[in-house]
C-alpha cells in the first residue's frame, strides 16, 4: 500500500536489459579478464492514481561471472566464489 492504494513494490514484468562489464582480472594466474553479466530492469513508480511518476533502476540478484584465460578460453564460475571486485 502506498498512500492507501495497493501498489506493486517489487516483482512483475518490466523493461530490462543485460549489463555486461568486462575488466582485467589478475588475482588468479592464467586468468586475464572477468566478464560479469548482470540482469537489470526499470521499475515503474506510480502515484495514487497509477500515473507514472518515475522509474528506478533495479538489479536482479543472479549475475553470471565468466573468467577468460590467457589462451582465450572462458570459464563459467559460481558468483559466490569471491570474484566480485
PDB file of N, CA and C in Angstrom:
ATOM      1  N   UNK A   1       0.842  -1.183   0.000  1.00  0.00           N
ATOM      2  CA  UNK A   1       0.000   0.000   0.000  1.00  0.00           C
ATOM      3  C   UNK A   1       0.891   1.252   0.000  1.00  0.00           C
ATOM      4  N   UNK A   2       0.572   2.146  -0.886  1.00  0.00           N
ATOM      5  CA  UNK A   2       1.243   3.442  -0.929  1.00  0.00           C
ATOM      6  C   UNK A   2       0.151   4.494  -0.933  1.00  0.00           C
ATOM      7  N   UNK A   3       0.172   5.366   0.044  1.00  0.00           N
ATOM      8  CA  UNK A   3      -0.879   6.384   0.196  1.00  0.00           C
ATOM      9  C   UNK A   3      -2.266   5.743   0.205  1.00  0.00           C
ATOM     10  N   UNK A   4      -2.384   4.578   0.839  1.00  0.00           N
ATOM     11  CA  UNK A   4      -3.665   3.894   0.950  1.00  0.00           C
ATOM     12  C   UNK A   4      -4.129   3.178  -0.303  1.00  0.00           C
ATOM     13  N   UNK A   5      -3.286   3.127  -1.317  1.00  0.00           N
ATOM     14  CA  UNK A   5      -3.644   2.496  -2.592  1.00  0.00           C
ATOM     15  C   UNK A   5      -2.742   1.277  -2.813  1.00  0.00           C
ATOM     16  N   UNK A   6      -3.319   0.127  -3.173  1.00  0.00           N
ATOM     17  CA  UNK A   6      -2.478  -1.042  -3.450  1.00  0.00           C
ATOM     18  C   UNK A   6      -1.513  -0.754  -4.608  1.00  0.00           C
ATOM     19  N   UNK A   7      -0.246  -1.031  -4.380  1.00  0.00           N
ATOM     20  CA  UNK A   7       0.777  -0.771  -5.398  1.00  0.00           C
ATOM     21  C   UNK A   7       1.737  -1.951  -5.479  1.00  0.00           C
ATOM     22  N   UNK A   8       2.257  -2.194  -6.647  1.00  0.00           N
ATOM     23  CA  UNK A   8       3.317  -3.163  -6.828  1.00  0.00           C
ATOM     24  C   UNK A   8       4.610  -2.517  -6.331  1.00  0.00           C
ATOM     25  N   UNK A   9       5.285  -3.170  -5.390  1.00  0.00           N
ATOM     26  CA  UNK A   9       6.523  -2.603  -4.859  1.00  0.00           C
ATOM     27  C   UNK A   9       7.749  -3.405  -5.287  1.00  0.00           C
ATOM     28  N   UNK A  10       7.515  -4.584  -5.850  1.00  0.00           N
ATOM     29  CA  UNK A  10       8.606  -5.411  -6.342  1.00  0.00           C
ATOM     30  C   UNK A  10       8.018  -6.494  -7.235  1.00  0.00           C
ATOM     31  N   UNK A  11       8.828  -7.026  -8.122  1.00  0.00           N
ATOM     32  CA  UNK A  11       8.362  -8.098  -8.993  1.00  0.00           C
ATOM     33  C   UNK A  11       7.640  -7.568 -10.208  1.00  0.00           C
ATOM     34  N   UNK A  12       6.888  -8.444 -10.862  1.00  0.00           N
ATOM     35  CA  UNK A  12       6.173  -8.062 -12.076  1.00  0.00           C
ATOM     36  C   UNK A  12       7.076  -8.137 -13.292  1.00  0.00           C
ATOM     37  N   UNK A  13       6.551  -7.742 -14.430  1.00  0.00           N
ATOM     38  CA  UNK A  13       7.327  -7.727 -15.674  1.00  0.00           C
ATOM     39  C   UNK A  13       7.674  -6.288 -16.024  1.00  0.00           C
ATOM     40  N   UNK A  14       8.940  -6.068 -16.367  1.00  0.00           N
ATOM     41  CA  UNK A  14       9.422  -4.717 -16.624  1.00  0.00           C
ATOM     42  C   UNK A  14      10.376  -4.720 -17.808  1.00  0.00           C
ATOM     43  N   UNK A  15      10.660  -3.538 -18.309  1.00  0.00           N
ATOM     44  CA  UNK A  15      11.663  -3.403 -19.359  1.00  0.00           C
ATOM     45  C   UNK A  15      13.031  -3.625 -18.737  1.00  0.00           C
ATOM     46  N   UNK A  16      13.797  -4.492 -19.337  1.00  0.00           N
ATOM     47  CA  UNK A  16      15.105  -4.782 -18.776  1.00  0.00           C
ATOM     48  C   UNK A  16      16.153  -4.980 -19.849  1.00  0.00           C
ATOM     49  N   UNK A  17      17.365  -5.172 -19.387  1.00  0.00           N
ATOM     50  CA  UNK A  17      18.471  -5.437 -20.290  1.00  0.00           C
ATOM     51  C   UNK A  17      19.542  -6.199 -19.529  1.00  0.00           C
ATOM     52  N   UNK A  18      20.509  -6.682 -20.240  1.00  0.00           N
ATOM     53  CA  UNK A  18      21.623  -7.390 -19.639  1.00  0.00           C
ATOM     54  C   UNK A  18      22.838  -6.470 -19.670  1.00  0.00           C
ATOM     55  N   UNK A  19      23.312  -6.098 -18.492  1.00  0.00           N
ATOM     56  CA  UNK A  19      24.501  -5.254 -18.389  1.00  0.00           C
ATOM     57  C   UNK A  19      25.727  -6.159 -18.450  1.00  0.00           C
ATOM     58  N   UNK A  20      26.689  -5.806 -19.279  1.00  0.00           N
ATOM     59  CA  UNK A  20      27.905  -6.603 -19.426  1.00  0.00           C
ATOM     60  C   UNK A  20      29.098  -5.737 -19.038  1.00  0.00           C
ATOM     61  N   UNK A  21      29.833  -6.176 -18.030  1.00  0.00           N
ATOM     62  CA  UNK A  21      31.031  -5.461 -17.588  1.00  0.00           C
ATOM     63  C   UNK A  21      32.239  -6.364 -17.792  1.00  0.00           C
ATOM     64  N   UNK A  22      33.232  -5.849 -18.497  1.00  0.00           N
ATOM     65  CA  UNK A  22      34.461  -6.591 -18.765  1.00  0.00           C
ATOM     66  C   UNK A  22      35.610  -5.803 -18.151  1.00  0.00           C
ATOM     67  N   UNK A  23      36.431  -6.507 -17.378  1.00  0.00           N
ATOM     68  CA  UNK A  23      37.556  -5.820 -16.746  1.00  0.00           C
ATOM     69  C   UNK A  23      38.749  -6.758 -16.616  1.00  0.00           C
ATOM     70  N   UNK A  24      39.955  -6.192 -16.532  1.00  0.00           N
ATOM     71  CA  UNK A  24      41.139  -7.022 -16.314  1.00  0.00           C
ATOM     72  C   UNK A  24      41.006  -7.765 -14.985  1.00  0.00           C
ATOM     73  N   UNK A  25      41.581  -8.955 -14.920  1.00  0.00           N
ATOM     74  CA  UNK A  25      41.488  -9.767 -13.701  1.00  0.00           C
ATOM     75  C   UNK A  25      42.829 -10.453 -13.498  1.00  0.00           C
ATOM     76  N   UNK A  26      43.489 -10.179 -12.368  1.00  0.00           N
ATOM     77  CA  UNK A  26      44.824 -10.733 -12.151  1.00  0.00           C
ATOM     78  C   UNK A  26      45.005 -11.573 -10.890  1.00  0.00           C
ATOM     79  N   UNK A  27      44.015 -11.717  -9.993  1.00  0.00           N
ATOM     80  CA  UNK A  27      44.256 -12.494  -8.772  1.00  0.00           C
ATOM     81  C   UNK A  27      44.572 -13.976  -8.996  1.00  0.00           C
ATOM     82  N   UNK A  28      44.224 -14.526 -10.160  1.00  0.00           N
ATOM     83  CA  UNK A  28      44.472 -15.938 -10.438  1.00  0.00           C
ATOM     84  C   UNK A  28      45.392 -16.030 -11.652  1.00  0.00           C
ATOM     85  N   UNK A  29      46.501 -16.753 -11.502  1.00  0.00           N
ATOM     86  CA  UNK A  29      47.448 -16.903 -12.615  1.00  0.00           C
ATOM     87  C   UNK A  29      46.762 -17.544 -13.817  1.00  0.00           C
ATOM     88  N   UNK A  30      47.034 -17.020 -15.002  1.00  0.00           N
ATOM     89  CA  UNK A  30      46.469 -17.568 -16.223  1.00  0.00           C
ATOM     90  C   UNK A  30      45.113 -16.992 -16.596  1.00  0.00           C
ATOM     91  N   UNK A  31      44.537 -16.184 -15.712  1.00  0.00           N
ATOM     92  CA  UNK A  31      43.247 -15.542 -15.982  1.00  0.00           C
ATOM     93  C   UNK A  31      43.529 -14.078 -16.313  1.00  0.00           C
ATOM     94  N   UNK A  32      42.998 -13.600 -17.426  1.00  0.00           N
ATOM     95  CA  UNK A  32      43.305 -12.230 -17.842  1.00  0.00           C
ATOM     96  C   UNK A  32      42.130 -11.264 -17.760  1.00  0.00           C
ATOM     97  N   UNK A  33      40.895 -11.798 -17.747  1.00  0.00           N
ATOM     98  CA  UNK A  33      39.739 -10.897 -17.731  1.00  0.00           C
ATOM     99  C   UNK A  33      38.569 -11.533 -16.997  1.00  0.00           C
ATOM    100  N   UNK A  34      37.719 -10.670 -16.471  1.00  0.00           N
ATOM    101  CA  UNK A  34      36.475 -11.097 -15.835  1.00  0.00           C
ATOM    102  C   UNK A  34      35.327 -10.445 -16.593  1.00  0.00           C
ATOM    103  N   UNK A  35      34.327 -11.254 -16.946  1.00  0.00           N
ATOM    104  CA  UNK A  35      33.127 -10.742 -17.605  1.00  0.00           C
ATOM    105  C   UNK A  35      31.958 -11.003 -16.667  1.00  0.00           C
ATOM    106  N   UNK A  36      31.249  -9.950 -16.309  1.00  0.00           N
ATOM    107  CA  UNK A  36      30.099 -10.093 -15.413  1.00  0.00           C
ATOM    108  C   UNK A  36      28.831  -9.663 -16.147  1.00  0.00           C
ATOM    109  N   UNK A  37      27.860 -10.573 -16.193  1.00  0.00           N
ATOM    110  CA  UNK A  37      26.564 -10.322 -16.816  1.00  0.00           C
ATOM    111  C   UNK A  37      25.551 -10.088 -15.703  1.00  0.00           C
ATOM    112  N   UNK A  38      24.950  -8.906 -15.671  1.00  0.00           N
ATOM    113  CA  UNK A  38      24.001  -8.561 -14.620  1.00  0.00           C
ATOM    114  C   UNK A  38      22.665  -8.170 -15.234  1.00  0.00           C
ATOM    115  N   UNK A  39      21.589  -8.904 -14.896  1.00  0.00           N
ATOM    116  CA  UNK A  39      20.269  -8.518 -15.395  1.00  0.00           C
ATOM    117  C   UNK A  39      19.751  -7.295 -14.637  1.00  0.00           C
ATOM    118  N   UNK A  40      19.344  -6.283 -15.386  1.00  0.00           N
ATOM    119  CA  UNK A  40      18.898  -5.010 -14.825  1.00  0.00           C
ATOM    120  C   UNK A  40      17.517  -4.694 -15.392  1.00  0.00           C
ATOM    121  N   UNK A  41      16.682  -4.020 -14.596  1.00  0.00           N
ATOM    122  CA  UNK A  41      15.370  -3.626 -15.118  1.00  0.00           C
ATOM    123  C   UNK A  41      14.957  -2.264 -14.595  1.00  0.00           C
ATOM    124  N   UNK A  42      14.006  -1.665 -15.283  1.00  0.00           N
ATOM    125  CA  UNK A  42      13.470  -0.364 -14.915  1.00  0.00           C
ATOM    126  C   UNK A  42      12.120  -0.584 -14.239  1.00  0.00           C
ATOM    127  N   UNK A  43      12.031  -0.257 -12.950  1.00  0.00           N
ATOM    128  CA  UNK A  43      10.806  -0.474 -12.179  1.00  0.00           C
ATOM    129  C   UNK A  43       9.979   0.812 -12.141  1.00  0.00           C
ATOM    130  N   UNK A  44       8.700   0.740 -12.495  1.00  0.00           N
ATOM    131  CA  UNK A  44       7.866   1.950 -12.514  1.00  0.00           C
ATOM    132  C   UNK A  44       7.414   2.367 -11.110  1.00  0.00           C
ATOM    133  N   UNK A  45       7.497   3.650 -10.835  1.00  0.00           N
ATOM    134  CA  UNK A  45       6.987   4.218  -9.588  1.00  0.00           C
ATOM    135  C   UNK A  45       5.720   4.991  -9.952  1.00  0.00           C
ATOM    136  N   UNK A  46       4.604   4.617  -9.329  1.00  0.00           N
ATOM    137  CA  UNK A  46       3.309   5.208  -9.673  1.00  0.00           C
ATOM    138  C   UNK A  46       2.759   6.033  -8.518  1.00  0.00           C
ATOM    139  N   UNK A  47       1.906   7.006  -8.833  1.00  0.00           N
ATOM    140  CA  UNK A  47       1.236   7.775  -7.783  1.00  0.00           C
ATOM    141  C   UNK A  47      -0.053   7.059  -7.385  1.00  0.00           C
ATOM    142  N   UNK A  48      -0.855   7.688  -6.533  1.00  0.00           N
ATOM    143  CA  UNK A  48      -2.080   7.076  -6.009  1.00  0.00           C
ATOM    144  C   UNK A  48      -3.125   6.796  -7.087  1.00  0.00           C
ATOM    145  N   UNK A  49      -3.010   7.458  -8.244  1.00  0.00           N
ATOM    146  CA  UNK A  49      -3.954   7.197  -9.340  1.00  0.00           C
ATOM    147  C   UNK A  49      -3.290   6.402 -10.466  1.00  0.00           C
ATOM    148  N   UNK A  50      -2.175   5.772 -10.149  1.00  0.00           N
ATOM    149  CA  UNK A  50      -1.437   4.890 -11.054  1.00  0.00           C
ATOM    150  C   UNK A  50      -0.807   5.599 -12.250  1.00  0.00           C
ATOM    151  N   UNK A  51      -0.541   6.891 -12.102  1.00  0.00           N
ATOM    152  CA  UNK A  51       0.217   7.608 -13.130  1.00  0.00           C
ATOM    153  C   UNK A  51       1.705   7.406 -12.862  1.00  0.00           C
ATOM    154  N   UNK A  52       2.469   7.269 -13.924  1.00  0.00           N
ATOM    155  CA  UNK A  52       3.904   7.083 -13.782  1.00  0.00           C
ATOM    156  C   UNK A  52       4.550   8.353 -13.235  1.00  0.00           C
ATOM    157  N   UNK A  53       5.274   8.216 -12.131  1.00  0.00           N
ATOM    158  CA  UNK A  53       5.964   9.342 -11.505  1.00  0.00           C
ATOM    159  C   UNK A  53       7.455   9.293 -11.849  1.00  0.00           C
ATOM    160  N   UNK A  54       8.008   8.094 -11.807  1.00  0.00           N
ATOM    161  CA  UNK A  54       9.442   7.919 -12.058  1.00  0.00           C
ATOM    162  C   UNK A  54       9.707   6.446 -12.333  1.00  0.00           C
ATOM    163  N   UNK A  55      10.947   6.149 -12.644  1.00  0.00           N
ATOM    164  CA  UNK A  55      11.380   4.760 -12.733  1.00  0.00           C
ATOM    165  C   UNK A  55      12.648   4.605 -11.907  1.00  0.00           C
ATOM    166  N   UNK A  56      12.840   3.418 -11.377  1.00  0.00           N
ATOM    167  CA  UNK A  56      14.045   3.117 -10.608  1.00  0.00           C
ATOM    168  C   UNK A  56      14.832   2.033 -11.332  1.00  0.00           C
ATOM    169  N   UNK A  57      16.132   2.212 -11.396  1.00  0.00           N
ATOM    170  CA  UNK A  57      16.993   1.162 -11.939  1.00  0.00           C
ATOM    171  C   UNK A  57      17.170   0.123 -10.836  1.00  0.00           C
ATOM    172  N   UNK A  58      16.817  -1.115 -11.129  1.00  0.00           N
ATOM    173  CA  UNK A  58      16.958  -2.201 -10.159  1.00  0.00           C
ATOM    174  C   UNK A  58      17.750  -3.339 -10.792  1.00  0.00           C
ATOM    175  N   UNK A  59      18.446  -4.061  -9.935  1.00  0.00           N
ATOM    176  CA  UNK A  59      19.311  -5.141 -10.391  1.00  0.00           C
ATOM    177  C   UNK A  59      18.831  -6.455  -9.783  1.00  0.00           C
ATOM    178  N   UNK A  60      18.676  -7.475 -10.623  1.00  0.00           N
ATOM    179  CA  UNK A  60      18.359  -8.808 -10.107  1.00  0.00           C
ATOM    180  C   UNK A  60      19.591  -9.366  -9.404  1.00  0.00           C
ATOM    181  N   UNK A  61      19.375 -10.296  -8.482  1.00  0.00           N
ATOM    182  CA  UNK A  61      20.486 -10.809  -7.680  1.00  0.00           C
ATOM    183  C   UNK A  61      21.075 -12.113  -8.234  1.00  0.00           C
ATOM    184  N   UNK A  62      21.055 -12.281  -9.546  1.00  0.00           N
ATOM    185  CA  UNK A  62      21.614 -13.511 -10.113  1.00  0.00           C
ATOM    186  C   UNK A  62      22.570 -13.236 -11.277  1.00  0.00           C
ATOM    187  N   UNK A  63      23.647 -12.485 -11.007  1.00  0.00           N
ATOM    188  CA  UNK A  63      24.615 -12.229 -12.071  1.00  0.00           C
ATOM    189  C   UNK A  63      25.360 -13.516 -12.449  1.00  0.00           C
ATOM    190  N   UNK A  64      25.931 -13.515 -13.629  1.00  0.00           N
ATOM    191  CA  UNK A  64      26.768 -14.624 -14.082  1.00  0.00           C
ATOM    192  C   UNK A  64      28.164 -14.061 -14.315  1.00  0.00           C
ATOM    193  N   UNK A  65      29.170 -14.752 -13.782  1.00  0.00           N
ATOM    194  CA  UNK A  65      30.549 -14.310 -13.937  1.00  0.00           C
ATOM    195  C   UNK A  65      31.311 -15.353 -14.748  1.00  0.00           C
ATOM    196  N   UNK A  66      32.061 -14.875 -15.714  1.00  0.00           N
ATOM    197  CA  UNK A  66      32.929 -15.751 -16.500  1.00  0.00           C
ATOM    198  C   UNK A  66      34.338 -15.180 -16.469  1.00  0.00           C
ATOM    199  N   UNK A  67      35.300 -16.067 -16.363  1.00  0.00           N
ATOM    200  CA  UNK A  67      36.695 -15.664 -16.404  1.00  0.00           C
ATOM    201  C   UNK A  67      37.279 -16.104 -17.737  1.00  0.00           C
ATOM    202  N   UNK A  68      38.169 -15.276 -18.280  1.00  0.00           N
ATOM    203  CA  UNK A  68      38.800 -15.569 -19.566  1.00  0.00           C
ATOM    204  C   UNK A  68      40.275 -15.862 -19.318  1.00  0.00           C
ATOM    205  N   UNK A  69      40.726 -17.006 -19.833  1.00  0.00           N
ATOM    206  CA  UNK A  69      42.125 -17.389 -19.647  1.00  0.00           C
ATOM    207  C   UNK A  69      43.013 -16.664 -20.651  1.00  0.00           C
ATOM    208  N   UNK A  70      44.311 -16.745 -20.411  1.00  0.00           N
ATOM    209  CA  UNK A  70      45.255 -16.113 -21.332  1.00  0.00           C
ATOM    210  C   UNK A  70      45.297 -16.825 -22.688  1.00  0.00           C
ATOM    211  N   UNK A  71      44.642 -17.981 -22.793  1.00  0.00           N
ATOM    212  CA  UNK A  71      44.536 -18.696 -24.072  1.00  0.00           C
ATOM    213  C   UNK A  71      43.204 -18.425 -24.763  1.00  0.00           C
ATOM    214  N   UNK A  72      42.351 -17.606 -24.151  1.00  0.00           N
ATOM    215  CA  UNK A  72      41.072 -17.250 -24.749  1.00  0.00           C
ATOM    216  C   UNK A  72      39.912 -18.142 -24.363  1.00  0.00           C
ATOM    217  N   UNK A  73      40.148 -19.125 -23.509  1.00  0.00           N
ATOM    218  CA  UNK A  73      39.058 -19.990 -23.040  1.00  0.00           C
ATOM    219  C   UNK A  73      38.229 -19.250 -22.001  1.00  0.00           C
ATOM    220  N   UNK A  74      36.947 -19.583 -21.939  1.00  0.00           N
ATOM    221  CA  UNK A  74      36.048 -18.967 -20.966  1.00  0.00           C
ATOM    222  C   UNK A  74      35.699 -19.993 -19.899  1.00  0.00           C
ATOM    223  N   UNK A  75      35.783 -19.565 -18.651  1.00  0.00           N
ATOM    224  CA  UNK A  75      35.447 -20.418 -17.520  1.00  0.00           C
ATOM    225  C   UNK A  75      34.242 -19.806 -16.831  1.00  0.00           C
ATOM    226  N   UNK A  76      33.149 -20.543 -16.735  1.00  0.00           N
ATOM    227  CA  UNK A  76      31.961 -20.069 -16.028  1.00  0.00           C
ATOM    228  C   UNK A  76      32.076 -20.530 -14.584  1.00  0.00           C
ATOM    229  N   UNK A  77      31.959 -19.609 -13.650  1.00  0.00           N
ATOM    230  CA  UNK A  77      32.106 -19.962 -12.240  1.00  0.00           C
ATOM    231  C   UNK A  77      30.911 -19.464 -11.446  1.00  0.00           C
ATOM    232  N   UNK A  78      30.618 -20.113 -10.310  1.00  0.00           N
ATOM    233  CA  UNK A  78      29.550 -19.591  -9.439  1.00  0.00           C
ATOM    234  C   UNK A  78      29.935 -18.212  -8.920  1.00  0.00           C
ATOM    235  N   UNK A  79      28.964 -17.323  -8.827  1.00  0.00           N
ATOM    236  CA  UNK A  79      29.204 -15.949  -8.378  1.00  0.00           C
ATOM    237  C   UNK A  79      29.750 -15.906  -6.963  1.00  0.00           C
ATOM    238  N   UNK A  80      29.392 -16.862  -6.123  1.00  0.00           N
ATOM    239  CA  UNK A  80      29.748 -16.825  -4.707  1.00  0.00           C
ATOM    240  C   UNK A  80      31.209 -17.138  -4.424  1.00  0.00           C
ATOM    241  N   UNK A  81      32.012 -17.394  -5.436  1.00  0.00           N
ATOM    242  CA  UNK A  81      33.406 -17.743  -5.194  1.00  0.00           C
ATOM    243  C   UNK A  81      34.309 -16.531  -5.011  1.00  0.00           C
ATOM    244  N   UNK A  82      33.736 -15.375  -4.758  1.00  0.00           N
ATOM    245  CA  UNK A  82      34.539 -14.213  -4.418  1.00  0.00           C
ATOM    246  C   UNK A  82      35.212 -13.522  -5.583  1.00  0.00           C
ATOM    247  N   UNK A  83      34.614 -13.561  -6.756  1.00  0.00           N
ATOM    248  CA  UNK A  83      35.243 -12.906  -7.902  1.00  0.00           C
ATOM    249  C   UNK A  83      34.800 -11.470  -8.073  1.00  0.00           C
ATOM    250  N   UNK A  84      33.866 -11.003  -7.253  1.00  0.00           N
ATOM    251  CA  UNK A  84      33.405  -9.616  -7.386  1.00  0.00           C
ATOM    252  C   UNK A  84      34.513  -8.708  -6.879  1.00  0.00           C
ATOM    253  N   UNK A  85      34.890  -7.742  -7.688  1.00  0.00           N
ATOM    254  CA  UNK A  85      35.959  -6.835  -7.266  1.00  0.00           C
ATOM    255  C   UNK A  85      35.395  -5.509  -6.847  1.00  0.00           C
TER     256      UNK A  85
END
